[in-house]
PDB file of all heavy atoms in Angstrom:
ATOM      1  N   LEU A   1      -0.325  -8.856  -9.573  1.00  0.00           N
ATOM      2  CA  LEU A   1      -0.724 -10.260  -9.519  1.00  0.00           C
ATOM      3  C   LEU A   1      -2.135 -10.456  -8.957  1.00  0.00           C
ATOM      4  O   LEU A   1      -2.620 -11.572  -8.879  1.00  0.00           O
ATOM      5  CB  LEU A   1       0.275 -11.063  -8.674  1.00  0.00           C
ATOM      6  CG  LEU A   1       1.631 -11.274  -9.313  1.00  0.00           C
ATOM      7  CD1 LEU A   1       2.566 -12.005  -8.363  1.00  0.00           C
ATOM      8  CD2 LEU A   1       1.491 -12.039 -10.613  1.00  0.00           C
ATOM      9  N   ILE A   2      -2.777  -9.366  -8.590  1.00  0.00           N
ATOM     10  CA  ILE A   2      -4.132  -9.454  -8.036  1.00  0.00           C
ATOM     11  C   ILE A   2      -5.142  -9.262  -9.153  1.00  0.00           C
ATOM     12  O   ILE A   2      -5.048  -8.311  -9.931  1.00  0.00           O
ATOM     13  CB  ILE A   2      -4.348  -8.397  -6.936  1.00  0.00           C
ATOM     14  CG1 ILE A   2      -3.372  -8.620  -5.779  1.00  0.00           C
ATOM     15  CG2 ILE A   2      -5.789  -8.413  -6.447  1.00  0.00           C
ATOM     16  CD1 ILE A   2      -3.376  -7.519  -4.743  1.00  0.00           C
ATOM     17  N   ASP A   3      -6.107 -10.169  -9.216  1.00  0.00           N
ATOM     18  CA  ASP A   3      -7.240  -9.999 -10.127  1.00  0.00           C
ATOM     19  C   ASP A   3      -8.294  -9.221  -9.351  1.00  0.00           C
ATOM     20  O   ASP A   3      -9.032  -9.790  -8.548  1.00  0.00           O
ATOM     21  CB  ASP A   3      -7.778 -11.355 -10.582  1.00  0.00           C
ATOM     22  CG  ASP A   3      -8.899 -11.236 -11.582  1.00  0.00           C
ATOM     23  OD1 ASP A   3      -9.511 -10.135 -11.690  1.00  0.00           O
ATOM     24  OD2 ASP A   3      -9.198 -12.239 -12.259  1.00  0.00           O
ATOM     25  N   PHE A   4      -8.347  -7.916  -9.560  1.00  0.00           N
ATOM     26  CA  PHE A   4      -9.217  -7.058  -8.771  1.00  0.00           C
ATOM     27  C   PHE A   4     -10.698  -7.311  -9.028  1.00  0.00           C
ATOM     28  O   PHE A   4     -11.539  -6.874  -8.251  1.00  0.00           O
ATOM     29  CB  PHE A   4      -8.845  -5.584  -8.957  1.00  0.00           C
ATOM     30  CG  PHE A   4      -7.660  -5.189  -8.116  1.00  0.00           C
ATOM     31  CD1 PHE A   4      -6.384  -5.177  -8.659  1.00  0.00           C
ATOM     32  CD2 PHE A   4      -7.814  -4.869  -6.781  1.00  0.00           C
ATOM     33  CE1 PHE A   4      -5.290  -4.836  -7.869  1.00  0.00           C
ATOM     34  CE2 PHE A   4      -6.734  -4.534  -5.986  1.00  0.00           C
ATOM     35  CZ  PHE A   4      -5.466  -4.512  -6.534  1.00  0.00           C
ATOM     36  N   LYS A   5     -11.042  -8.048 -10.070  1.00  0.00           N
ATOM     37  CA  LYS A   5     -12.442  -8.436 -10.285  1.00  0.00           C
ATOM     38  C   LYS A   5     -12.890  -9.456  -9.232  1.00  0.00           C
ATOM     39  O   LYS A   5     -14.075  -9.634  -9.008  1.00  0.00           O
ATOM     40  CB  LYS A   5     -12.645  -9.014 -11.690  1.00  0.00           C
ATOM     41  CG  LYS A   5     -12.466  -7.973 -12.798  1.00  0.00           C
ATOM     42  CD  LYS A   5     -12.657  -8.599 -14.160  1.00  0.00           C
ATOM     43  CE  LYS A   5     -11.432  -9.373 -14.440  1.00  0.00           C
ATOM     44  NZ  LYS A   5     -10.947  -9.774 -15.626  1.00  0.00           N
ATOM     45  N   LEU A   6     -11.923 -10.131  -8.595  1.00  0.00           N
ATOM     46  CA  LEU A   6     -12.224 -11.137  -7.577  1.00  0.00           C
ATOM     47  C   LEU A   6     -12.144 -10.585  -6.157  1.00  0.00           C
ATOM     48  O   LEU A   6     -12.414 -11.297  -5.199  1.00  0.00           O
ATOM     49  CB  LEU A   6     -11.256 -12.321  -7.716  1.00  0.00           C
ATOM     50  CG  LEU A   6     -11.232 -13.025  -9.064  1.00  0.00           C
ATOM     51  CD1 LEU A   6     -10.135 -14.083  -9.096  1.00  0.00           C
ATOM     52  CD2 LEU A   6     -12.592 -13.625  -9.392  1.00  0.00           C
ATOM     53  N   ILE A   7     -11.769  -9.321  -6.033  1.00  0.00           N
ATOM     54  CA  ILE A   7     -11.552  -8.688  -4.729  1.00  0.00           C
ATOM     55  C   ILE A   7     -12.787  -7.873  -4.334  1.00  0.00           C
ATOM     56  O   ILE A   7     -13.300  -7.100  -5.146  1.00  0.00           O
ATOM     57  CB  ILE A   7     -10.295  -7.771  -4.786  1.00  0.00           C
ATOM     58  CG1 ILE A   7      -9.038  -8.592  -5.025  1.00  0.00           C
ATOM     59  CG2 ILE A   7     -10.157  -6.893  -3.555  1.00  0.00           C
ATOM     60  CD1 ILE A   7      -8.573  -9.411  -3.871  1.00  0.00           C
ATOM     61  N   THR A   8     -13.232  -8.052  -3.097  1.00  0.00           N
ATOM     62  CA  THR A   8     -14.363  -7.267  -2.597  1.00  0.00           C
ATOM     63  C   THR A   8     -13.886  -5.861  -2.212  1.00  0.00           C
ATOM     64  O   THR A   8     -12.671  -5.621  -2.065  1.00  0.00           O
ATOM     65  CB  THR A   8     -14.989  -7.928  -1.360  1.00  0.00           C
ATOM     66  OG1 THR A   8     -14.032  -7.884  -0.284  1.00  0.00           O
ATOM     67  CG2 THR A   8     -15.423  -9.357  -1.650  1.00  0.00           C
ATOM     68  N   ASN A   9     -14.826  -4.965  -1.998  1.00  0.00           N
ATOM     69  CA  ASN A   9     -14.463  -3.620  -1.539  1.00  0.00           C
ATOM     70  C   ASN A   9     -13.767  -3.675  -0.189  1.00  0.00           C
ATOM     71  O   ASN A   9     -12.808  -2.937   0.045  1.00  0.00           O
ATOM     72  CB  ASN A   9     -15.697  -2.715  -1.471  1.00  0.00           C
ATOM     73  CG  ASN A   9     -16.126  -2.233  -2.834  1.00  0.00           C
ATOM     74  OD1 ASN A   9     -15.323  -2.144  -3.753  1.00  0.00           O
ATOM     75  ND2 ASN A   9     -17.408  -1.928  -2.968  1.00  0.00           N
ATOM     76  N   PHE A  10     -14.242  -4.539   0.704  1.00  0.00           N
ATOM     77  CA  PHE A  10     -13.583  -4.692   2.005  1.00  0.00           C
ATOM     78  C   PHE A  10     -12.123  -5.105   1.817  1.00  0.00           C
ATOM     79  O   PHE A  10     -11.218  -4.553   2.451  1.00  0.00           O
ATOM     80  CB  PHE A  10     -14.313  -5.728   2.869  1.00  0.00           C
ATOM     81  CG  PHE A  10     -13.577  -6.054   4.137  1.00  0.00           C
ATOM     82  CD1 PHE A  10     -13.678  -5.227   5.239  1.00  0.00           C
ATOM     83  CD2 PHE A  10     -12.753  -7.179   4.212  1.00  0.00           C
ATOM     84  CE1 PHE A  10     -12.978  -5.506   6.407  1.00  0.00           C
ATOM     85  CE2 PHE A  10     -12.055  -7.465   5.378  1.00  0.00           C
ATOM     86  CZ  PHE A  10     -12.168  -6.631   6.479  1.00  0.00           C
ATOM     87  N   GLU A  11     -11.880  -6.101   0.958  1.00  0.00           N
ATOM     88  CA  GLU A  11     -10.512  -6.590   0.727  1.00  0.00           C
ATOM     89  C   GLU A  11      -9.645  -5.520   0.083  1.00  0.00           C
ATOM     90  O   GLU A  11      -8.468  -5.369   0.443  1.00  0.00           O
ATOM     91  CB  GLU A  11     -10.547  -7.854  -0.129  1.00  0.00           C
ATOM     92  CG  GLU A  11     -11.166  -9.025   0.598  1.00  0.00           C
ATOM     93  CD  GLU A  11     -11.604 -10.159  -0.313  1.00  0.00           C
ATOM     94  OE1 GLU A  11     -11.840  -9.928  -1.519  1.00  0.00           O
ATOM     95  OE2 GLU A  11     -11.715 -11.294   0.193  1.00  0.00           O
ATOM     96  N   ARG A  12     -10.208  -4.768  -0.843  1.00  0.00           N
ATOM     97  CA  ARG A  12      -9.474  -3.666  -1.487  1.00  0.00           C
ATOM     98  C   ARG A  12      -9.024  -2.658  -0.422  1.00  0.00           C
ATOM     99  O   ARG A  12      -7.857  -2.248  -0.391  1.00  0.00           O
ATOM    100  CB  ARG A  12     -10.365  -3.000  -2.528  1.00  0.00           C
ATOM    101  CG  ARG A  12      -9.709  -1.883  -3.310  1.00  0.00           C
ATOM    102  CD  ARG A  12     -10.687  -1.230  -4.269  1.00  0.00           C
ATOM    103  NE  ARG A  12     -11.172  -2.163  -5.269  1.00  0.00           N
ATOM    104  CZ  ARG A  12     -10.618  -2.349  -6.463  1.00  0.00           C
ATOM    105  NH1 ARG A  12      -9.546  -1.665  -6.801  1.00  0.00           N
ATOM    106  NH2 ARG A  12     -11.114  -3.213  -7.309  1.00  0.00           N
ATOM    107  N   LYS A  13      -9.942  -2.263   0.444  1.00  0.00           N
ATOM    108  CA  LYS A  13      -9.606  -1.320   1.515  1.00  0.00           C
ATOM    109  C   LYS A  13      -8.589  -1.919   2.474  1.00  0.00           C
ATOM    110  O   LYS A  13      -7.711  -1.218   2.980  1.00  0.00           O
ATOM    111  CB  LYS A  13     -10.870  -0.902   2.265  1.00  0.00           C
ATOM    112  CG  LYS A  13     -11.782  -0.015   1.459  1.00  0.00           C
ATOM    113  CD  LYS A  13     -13.070   0.273   2.217  1.00  0.00           C
ATOM    114  CE  LYS A  13     -14.041   1.050   1.333  1.00  0.00           C
ATOM    115  NZ  LYS A  13     -15.356   1.192   1.975  1.00  0.00           N
ATOM    116  N   TYR A  14      -8.713  -3.214   2.724  1.00  0.00           N
ATOM    117  CA  TYR A  14      -7.802  -3.891   3.631  1.00  0.00           C
ATOM    118  C   TYR A  14      -6.371  -3.889   3.087  1.00  0.00           C
ATOM    119  O   TYR A  14      -5.419  -3.627   3.822  1.00  0.00           O
ATOM    120  CB  TYR A  14      -8.289  -5.321   3.886  1.00  0.00           C
ATOM    121  CG  TYR A  14      -7.694  -5.938   5.121  1.00  0.00           C
ATOM    122  CD1 TYR A  14      -8.234  -5.686   6.369  1.00  0.00           C
ATOM    123  CD2 TYR A  14      -6.576  -6.763   5.039  1.00  0.00           C
ATOM    124  CE1 TYR A  14      -7.694  -6.242   7.511  1.00  0.00           C
ATOM    125  CE2 TYR A  14      -6.023  -7.316   6.181  1.00  0.00           C
ATOM    126  CZ  TYR A  14      -6.587  -7.046   7.406  1.00  0.00           C
ATOM    127  OH  TYR A  14      -6.029  -7.589   8.532  1.00  0.00           O
ATOM    128  N   ILE A  15      -6.229  -4.170   1.802  1.00  0.00           N
ATOM    129  CA  ILE A  15      -4.905  -4.153   1.163  1.00  0.00           C
ATOM    130  C   ILE A  15      -4.330  -2.745   1.195  1.00  0.00           C
ATOM    131  O   ILE A  15      -3.147  -2.550   1.515  1.00  0.00           O
ATOM    132  CB  ILE A  15      -4.985  -4.690  -0.285  1.00  0.00           C
ATOM    133  CG1 ILE A  15      -5.409  -6.166  -0.283  1.00  0.00           C
ATOM    134  CG2 ILE A  15      -3.655  -4.498  -1.012  1.00  0.00           C
ATOM    135  CD1 ILE A  15      -5.871  -6.674  -1.641  1.00  0.00           C
ATOM    136  N   LYS A  16      -5.151  -1.761   0.879  1.00  0.00           N
ATOM    137  CA  LYS A  16      -4.692  -0.369   0.894  1.00  0.00           C
ATOM    138  C   LYS A  16      -4.249   0.032   2.306  1.00  0.00           C
ATOM    139  O   LYS A  16      -3.193   0.640   2.490  1.00  0.00           O
ATOM    140  CB  LYS A  16      -5.795   0.557   0.397  1.00  0.00           C
ATOM    141  CG  LYS A  16      -5.370   2.001   0.289  1.00  0.00           C
ATOM    142  CD  LYS A  16      -6.438   2.836  -0.386  1.00  0.00           C
ATOM    143  CE  LYS A  16      -5.909   4.245  -0.597  1.00  0.00           C
ATOM    144  NZ  LYS A  16      -6.543   4.894  -1.727  1.00  0.00           N
ATOM    145  N   LYS A  17      -5.039  -0.340   3.310  1.00  0.00           N
ATOM    146  CA  LYS A  17      -4.698  -0.028   4.709  1.00  0.00           C
ATOM    147  C   LYS A  17      -3.402  -0.730   5.113  1.00  0.00           C
ATOM    148  O   LYS A  17      -2.560  -0.151   5.809  1.00  0.00           O
ATOM    149  CB  LYS A  17      -5.853  -0.463   5.611  1.00  0.00           C
ATOM    150  CG  LYS A  17      -5.678  -0.118   7.058  1.00  0.00           C
ATOM    151  CD  LYS A  17      -6.892  -0.556   7.857  1.00  0.00           C
ATOM    152  CE  LYS A  17      -6.667  -0.385   9.336  1.00  0.00           C
ATOM    153  NZ  LYS A  17      -7.790  -0.904  10.126  1.00  0.00           N
ATOM    154  N   TYR A  18      -3.228  -1.967   4.660  1.00  0.00           N
ATOM    155  CA  TYR A  18      -1.999  -2.712   4.948  1.00  0.00           C
ATOM    156  C   TYR A  18      -0.790  -2.012   4.323  1.00  0.00           C
ATOM    157  O   TYR A  18       0.231  -1.804   4.990  1.00  0.00           O
ATOM    158  CB  TYR A  18      -2.134  -4.142   4.423  1.00  0.00           C
ATOM    159  CG  TYR A  18      -0.868  -4.960   4.514  1.00  0.00           C
ATOM    160  CD1 TYR A  18      -0.349  -5.350   5.737  1.00  0.00           C
ATOM    161  CD2 TYR A  18      -0.192  -5.347   3.361  1.00  0.00           C
ATOM    162  CE1 TYR A  18       0.811  -6.103   5.815  1.00  0.00           C
ATOM    163  CE2 TYR A  18       0.974  -6.104   3.437  1.00  0.00           C
ATOM    164  CZ  TYR A  18       1.470  -6.472   4.659  1.00  0.00           C
ATOM    165  OH  TYR A  18       2.614  -7.206   4.740  1.00  0.00           O
ATOM    166  N   HIS A  19      -0.902  -1.604   3.062  1.00  0.00           N
ATOM    167  CA  HIS A  19       0.202  -0.892   2.403  1.00  0.00           C
ATOM    168  C   HIS A  19       0.464   0.454   3.088  1.00  0.00           C
ATOM    169  O   HIS A  19       1.619   0.872   3.217  1.00  0.00           O
ATOM    170  CB  HIS A  19      -0.094  -0.711   0.922  1.00  0.00           C
ATOM    171  CG  HIS A  19       0.117  -1.963   0.133  1.00  0.00           C
ATOM    172  ND1 HIS A  19      -0.120  -2.035  -1.217  1.00  0.00           N
ATOM    173  CD2 HIS A  19       0.549  -3.191   0.485  1.00  0.00           C
ATOM    174  CE1 HIS A  19       0.152  -3.253  -1.649  1.00  0.00           C
ATOM    175  NE2 HIS A  19       0.556  -3.970  -0.623  1.00  0.00           N
ATOM    176  N   GLN A  20      -0.595   1.116   3.538  1.00  0.00           N
ATOM    177  CA  GLN A  20      -0.434   2.383   4.256  1.00  0.00           C
ATOM    178  C   GLN A  20       0.307   2.162   5.580  1.00  0.00           C
ATOM    179  O   GLN A  20       1.164   2.959   5.952  1.00  0.00           O
ATOM    180  CB  GLN A  20      -1.805   3.020   4.520  1.00  0.00           C
ATOM    181  CG  GLN A  20      -1.720   4.402   5.152  1.00  0.00           C
ATOM    182  CD  GLN A  20      -1.188   5.441   4.196  1.00  0.00           C
ATOM    183  OE1 GLN A  20      -1.698   5.611   3.104  1.00  0.00           O
ATOM    184  NE2 GLN A  20      -0.149   6.145   4.610  1.00  0.00           N
ATOM    185  N   LYS A  21      -0.003   1.064   6.262  1.00  0.00           N
ATOM    186  CA  LYS A  21       0.691   0.725   7.517  1.00  0.00           C
ATOM    187  C   LYS A  21       2.188   0.515   7.263  1.00  0.00           C
ATOM    188  O   LYS A  21       3.027   0.999   8.024  1.00  0.00           O
ATOM    189  CB  LYS A  21       0.083  -0.544   8.122  1.00  0.00           C
ATOM    190  CG  LYS A  21       0.802  -1.088   9.328  1.00  0.00           C
ATOM    191  CD  LYS A  21       0.158  -2.383   9.792  1.00  0.00           C
ATOM    192  CE  LYS A  21       1.204  -3.402  10.092  1.00  0.00           C
ATOM    193  NZ  LYS A  21       0.672  -4.699  10.468  1.00  0.00           N
ATOM    194  N   ILE A  22       2.517  -0.180   6.177  1.00  0.00           N
ATOM    195  CA  ILE A  22       3.925  -0.393   5.838  1.00  0.00           C
ATOM    196  C   ILE A  22       4.599   0.952   5.570  1.00  0.00           C
ATOM    197  O   ILE A  22       5.688   1.233   6.076  1.00  0.00           O
ATOM    198  CB  ILE A  22       4.069  -1.321   4.616  1.00  0.00           C
ATOM    199  CG1 ILE A  22       3.497  -2.704   4.923  1.00  0.00           C
ATOM    200  CG2 ILE A  22       5.528  -1.424   4.180  1.00  0.00           C
ATOM    201  CD1 ILE A  22       3.331  -3.577   3.684  1.00  0.00           C
ATOM    202  N   TYR A  23       3.940   1.778   4.772  1.00  0.00           N
ATOM    203  CA  TYR A  23       4.491   3.099   4.444  1.00  0.00           C
ATOM    204  C   TYR A  23       4.700   3.932   5.711  1.00  0.00           C
ATOM    205  O   TYR A  23       5.772   4.515   5.903  1.00  0.00           O
ATOM    206  CB  TYR A  23       3.563   3.831   3.471  1.00  0.00           C
ATOM    207  CG  TYR A  23       4.057   5.212   3.139  1.00  0.00           C
ATOM    208  CD1 TYR A  23       5.067   5.395   2.195  1.00  0.00           C
ATOM    209  CD2 TYR A  23       3.538   6.339   3.773  1.00  0.00           C
ATOM    210  CE1 TYR A  23       5.536   6.663   1.894  1.00  0.00           C
ATOM    211  CE2 TYR A  23       4.004   7.602   3.482  1.00  0.00           C
ATOM    212  CZ  TYR A  23       4.997   7.759   2.543  1.00  0.00           C
ATOM    213  OH  TYR A  23       5.476   9.004   2.241  1.00  0.00           O
ATOM    214  N   ASN A  24       3.698   3.969   6.578  1.00  0.00           N
ATOM    215  CA  ASN A  24       3.816   4.762   7.805  1.00  0.00           C
ATOM    216  C   ASN A  24       4.967   4.281   8.681  1.00  0.00           C
ATOM    217  O   ASN A  24       5.629   5.080   9.341  1.00  0.00           O
ATOM    218  CB  ASN A  24       2.509   4.708   8.607  1.00  0.00           C
ATOM    219  CG  ASN A  24       1.384   5.439   7.913  1.00  0.00           C
ATOM    220  OD1 ASN A  24       1.599   6.221   6.993  1.00  0.00           O
ATOM    221  ND2 ASN A  24       0.168   5.165   8.337  1.00  0.00           N
ATOM    222  N   THR A  25       5.213   2.987   8.686  1.00  0.00           N
ATOM    223  CA  THR A  25       6.293   2.418   9.488  1.00  0.00           C
ATOM    224  C   THR A  25       7.663   2.707   8.877  1.00  0.00           C
ATOM    225  O   THR A  25       8.614   3.045   9.590  1.00  0.00           O
ATOM    226  CB  THR A  25       6.105   0.896   9.640  1.00  0.00           C
ATOM    227  OG1 THR A  25       4.820   0.643  10.218  1.00  0.00           O
ATOM    228  CG2 THR A  25       7.192   0.287  10.507  1.00  0.00           C
ATOM    229  N   LEU A  26       7.755   2.596   7.560  1.00  0.00           N
ATOM    230  CA  LEU A  26       9.061   2.662   6.893  1.00  0.00           C
ATOM    231  C   LEU A  26       9.415   4.021   6.300  1.00  0.00           C
ATOM    232  O   LEU A  26      10.577   4.246   5.970  1.00  0.00           O
ATOM    233  CB  LEU A  26       9.133   1.604   5.787  1.00  0.00           C
ATOM    234  CG  LEU A  26       8.986   0.147   6.226  1.00  0.00           C
ATOM    235  CD1 LEU A  26       9.059  -0.771   5.025  1.00  0.00           C
ATOM    236  CD2 LEU A  26      10.023  -0.220   7.269  1.00  0.00           C
ATOM    237  N   HIS A  27       8.458   4.914   6.147  1.00  0.00           N
ATOM    238  CA  HIS A  27       8.742   6.147   5.406  1.00  0.00           C
ATOM    239  C   HIS A  27       9.903   6.975   5.949  1.00  0.00           C
ATOM    240  O   HIS A  27      10.616   7.588   5.170  1.00  0.00           O
ATOM    241  CB  HIS A  27       7.475   6.998   5.197  1.00  0.00           C
ATOM    242  CG  HIS A  27       7.157   7.934   6.288  1.00  0.00           C
ATOM    243  ND1 HIS A  27       6.420   7.570   7.391  1.00  0.00           N
ATOM    244  CD2 HIS A  27       7.478   9.245   6.456  1.00  0.00           C
ATOM    245  CE1 HIS A  27       6.302   8.614   8.183  1.00  0.00           C
ATOM    246  NE2 HIS A  27       6.926   9.622   7.644  1.00  0.00           N
ATOM    247  N   PRO A  28      10.183   6.982   7.259  1.00  0.00           N
ATOM    248  CA  PRO A  28      11.362   7.749   7.701  1.00  0.00           C
ATOM    249  C   PRO A  28      12.679   7.219   7.119  1.00  0.00           C
ATOM    250  O   PRO A  28      13.661   7.950   7.032  1.00  0.00           O
ATOM    251  CB  PRO A  28      11.349   7.590   9.222  1.00  0.00           C
ATOM    252  CG  PRO A  28       9.948   7.242   9.582  1.00  0.00           C
ATOM    253  CD  PRO A  28       9.441   6.452   8.413  1.00  0.00           C
ATOM    254  N   ARG A  29      12.679   5.962   6.700  1.00  0.00           N
ATOM    255  CA  ARG A  29      13.907   5.342   6.170  1.00  0.00           C
ATOM    256  C   ARG A  29      13.967   5.358   4.650  1.00  0.00           C
ATOM    257  O   ARG A  29      14.957   4.897   4.076  1.00  0.00           O
ATOM    258  CB  ARG A  29      13.996   3.900   6.654  1.00  0.00           C
ATOM    259  CG  ARG A  29      14.046   3.781   8.153  1.00  0.00           C
ATOM    260  CD  ARG A  29      14.149   2.341   8.572  1.00  0.00           C
ATOM    261  NE  ARG A  29      14.079   2.246   9.997  1.00  0.00           N
ATOM    262  CZ  ARG A  29      13.279   1.446  10.661  1.00  0.00           C
ATOM    263  NH1 ARG A  29      12.482   0.641  10.009  1.00  0.00           N
ATOM    264  NH2 ARG A  29      13.278   1.426  11.965  1.00  0.00           N
ATOM    265  N   LEU A  30      12.904   5.827   4.004  1.00  0.00           N
ATOM    266  CA  LEU A  30      12.842   5.774   2.542  1.00  0.00           C
ATOM    267  C   LEU A  30      13.301   7.085   1.922  1.00  0.00           C
ATOM    268  O   LEU A  30      13.035   8.168   2.449  1.00  0.00           O
ATOM    269  CB  LEU A  30      11.405   5.496   2.088  1.00  0.00           C
ATOM    270  CG  LEU A  30      10.779   4.177   2.529  1.00  0.00           C
ATOM    271  CD1 LEU A  30       9.322   4.121   2.082  1.00  0.00           C
ATOM    272  CD2 LEU A  30      11.553   2.994   1.989  1.00  0.00           C
ATOM    273  N   SER A  31      13.971   6.976   0.779  1.00  0.00           N
ATOM    274  CA  SER A  31      14.323   8.169   0.014  1.00  0.00           C
ATOM    275  C   SER A  31      13.041   8.744  -0.585  1.00  0.00           C
ATOM    276  O   SER A  31      12.014   8.066  -0.655  1.00  0.00           O
ATOM    277  CB  SER A  31      15.299   7.812  -1.115  1.00  0.00           C
ATOM    278  OG  SER A  31      14.633   7.031  -2.101  1.00  0.00           O
ATOM    279  N   ILE A  32      13.090   9.979  -1.027  1.00  0.00           N
ATOM    280  CA  ILE A  32      11.943  10.625  -1.673  1.00  0.00           C
ATOM    281  C   ILE A  32      11.465   9.792  -2.853  1.00  0.00           C
ATOM    282  O   ILE A  32      10.257   9.624  -3.049  1.00  0.00           O
ATOM    283  CB  ILE A  32      12.318  12.055  -2.138  1.00  0.00           C
ATOM    284  CG1 ILE A  32      12.486  12.974  -0.933  1.00  0.00           C
ATOM    285  CG2 ILE A  32      11.284  12.621  -3.098  1.00  0.00           C
ATOM    286  CD1 ILE A  32      11.191  13.287  -0.214  1.00  0.00           C
ATOM    287  N   GLU A  33      12.397   9.247  -3.627  1.00  0.00           N
ATOM    288  CA  GLU A  33      12.041   8.430  -4.786  1.00  0.00           C
ATOM    289  C   GLU A  33      11.188   7.226  -4.375  1.00  0.00           C
ATOM    290  O   GLU A  33      10.158   6.944  -4.984  1.00  0.00           O
ATOM    291  CB  GLU A  33      13.319   7.951  -5.488  1.00  0.00           C
ATOM    292  CG  GLU A  33      13.072   7.038  -6.652  1.00  0.00           C
ATOM    293  CD  GLU A  33      14.364   6.476  -7.243  1.00  0.00           C
ATOM    294  OE1 GLU A  33      15.463   6.722  -6.684  1.00  0.00           O
ATOM    295  OE2 GLU A  33      14.263   5.783  -8.264  1.00  0.00           O
ATOM    296  N   TYR A  34      11.587   6.525  -3.326  1.00  0.00           N
ATOM    297  CA  TYR A  34      10.840   5.354  -2.877  1.00  0.00           C
ATOM    298  C   TYR A  34       9.531   5.747  -2.195  1.00  0.00           C
ATOM    299  O   TYR A  34       8.532   5.038  -2.299  1.00  0.00           O
ATOM    300  CB  TYR A  34      11.686   4.466  -1.971  1.00  0.00           C
ATOM    301  CG  TYR A  34      12.692   3.656  -2.752  1.00  0.00           C
ATOM    302  CD1 TYR A  34      14.046   3.856  -2.590  1.00  0.00           C
ATOM    303  CD2 TYR A  34      12.269   2.706  -3.674  1.00  0.00           C
ATOM    304  CE1 TYR A  34      14.972   3.128  -3.319  1.00  0.00           C
ATOM    305  CE2 TYR A  34      13.181   1.975  -4.409  1.00  0.00           C
ATOM    306  CZ  TYR A  34      14.532   2.184  -4.229  1.00  0.00           C
ATOM    307  OH  TYR A  34      15.441   1.462  -4.963  1.00  0.00           O
ATOM    308  N   LYS A  35       9.527   6.870  -1.490  1.00  0.00           N
ATOM    309  CA  LYS A  35       8.279   7.354  -0.899  1.00  0.00           C
ATOM    310  C   LYS A  35       7.255   7.612  -1.997  1.00  0.00           C
ATOM    311  O   LYS A  35       6.099   7.190  -1.897  1.00  0.00           O
ATOM    312  CB  LYS A  35       8.512   8.638  -0.095  1.00  0.00           C
ATOM    313  CG  LYS A  35       9.206   8.427   1.216  1.00  0.00           C
ATOM    314  CD  LYS A  35       9.406   9.762   1.915  1.00  0.00           C
ATOM    315  CE  LYS A  35      10.250   9.573   3.160  1.00  0.00           C
ATOM    316  NZ  LYS A  35      10.500  10.841   3.863  1.00  0.00           N
ATOM    317  N   ASN A  36       7.684   8.317  -3.047  1.00  0.00           N
ATOM    318  CA  ASN A  36       6.782   8.622  -4.155  1.00  0.00           C
ATOM    319  C   ASN A  36       6.321   7.355  -4.858  1.00  0.00           C
ATOM    320  O   ASN A  36       5.144   7.216  -5.206  1.00  0.00           O
ATOM    321  CB  ASN A  36       7.446   9.579  -5.152  1.00  0.00           C
ATOM    322  CG  ASN A  36       7.638  10.957  -4.568  1.00  0.00           C
ATOM    323  OD1 ASN A  36       6.926  11.364  -3.649  1.00  0.00           O
ATOM    324  ND2 ASN A  36       8.604  11.695  -5.089  1.00  0.00           N
ATOM    325  N   TYR A  37       7.244   6.415  -5.074  1.00  0.00           N
ATOM    326  CA  TYR A  37       6.880   5.143  -5.708  1.00  0.00           C
ATOM    327  C   TYR A  37       5.841   4.408  -4.864  1.00  0.00           C
ATOM    328  O   TYR A  37       4.838   3.910  -5.383  1.00  0.00           O
ATOM    329  CB  TYR A  37       8.122   4.266  -5.901  1.00  0.00           C
ATOM    330  CG  TYR A  37       7.766   2.904  -6.459  1.00  0.00           C
ATOM    331  CD1 TYR A  37       7.635   2.721  -7.824  1.00  0.00           C
ATOM    332  CD2 TYR A  37       7.517   1.827  -5.611  1.00  0.00           C
ATOM    333  CE1 TYR A  37       7.270   1.485  -8.349  1.00  0.00           C
ATOM    334  CE2 TYR A  37       7.146   0.591  -6.117  1.00  0.00           C
ATOM    335  CZ  TYR A  37       7.030   0.423  -7.485  1.00  0.00           C
ATOM    336  OH  TYR A  37       6.644  -0.794  -7.993  1.00  0.00           O
ATOM    337  N   PHE A  38       6.094   4.343  -3.574  1.00  0.00           N
ATOM    338  CA  PHE A  38       5.196   3.620  -2.678  1.00  0.00           C
ATOM    339  C   PHE A  38       3.801   4.241  -2.721  1.00  0.00           C
ATOM    340  O   PHE A  38       2.797   3.531  -2.867  1.00  0.00           O
ATOM    341  CB  PHE A  38       5.757   3.655  -1.250  1.00  0.00           C
ATOM    342  CG  PHE A  38       5.347   2.479  -0.424  1.00  0.00           C
ATOM    343  CD1 PHE A  38       6.230   1.444  -0.187  1.00  0.00           C
ATOM    344  CD2 PHE A  38       4.082   2.405   0.124  1.00  0.00           C
ATOM    345  CE1 PHE A  38       5.857   0.346   0.577  1.00  0.00           C
ATOM    346  CE2 PHE A  38       3.691   1.322   0.895  1.00  0.00           C
ATOM    347  CZ  PHE A  38       4.586   0.282   1.117  1.00  0.00           C
ATOM    348  N   LEU A  39       3.739   5.564  -2.608  1.00  0.00           N
ATOM    349  CA  LEU A  39       2.444   6.245  -2.624  1.00  0.00           C
ATOM    350  C   LEU A  39       1.725   6.042  -3.962  1.00  0.00           C
ATOM    351  O   LEU A  39       0.539   5.717  -3.993  1.00  0.00           O
ATOM    352  CB  LEU A  39       2.625   7.726  -2.332  1.00  0.00           C
ATOM    353  CG  LEU A  39       3.028   8.068  -0.898  1.00  0.00           C
ATOM    354  CD1 LEU A  39       3.434   9.531  -0.775  1.00  0.00           C
ATOM    355  CD2 LEU A  39       1.911   7.734   0.076  1.00  0.00           C
TER     356      LEU A  39
END
């Protein structure tokens, strides 16, 4: 749902860092399938 043409490099990195934070927090509870999907 993101139009990446409207996103700055800072915002792109920010979204990636946010998703990485979620992954780092939740990965012990995720199956291998969901870990791979998330990554």
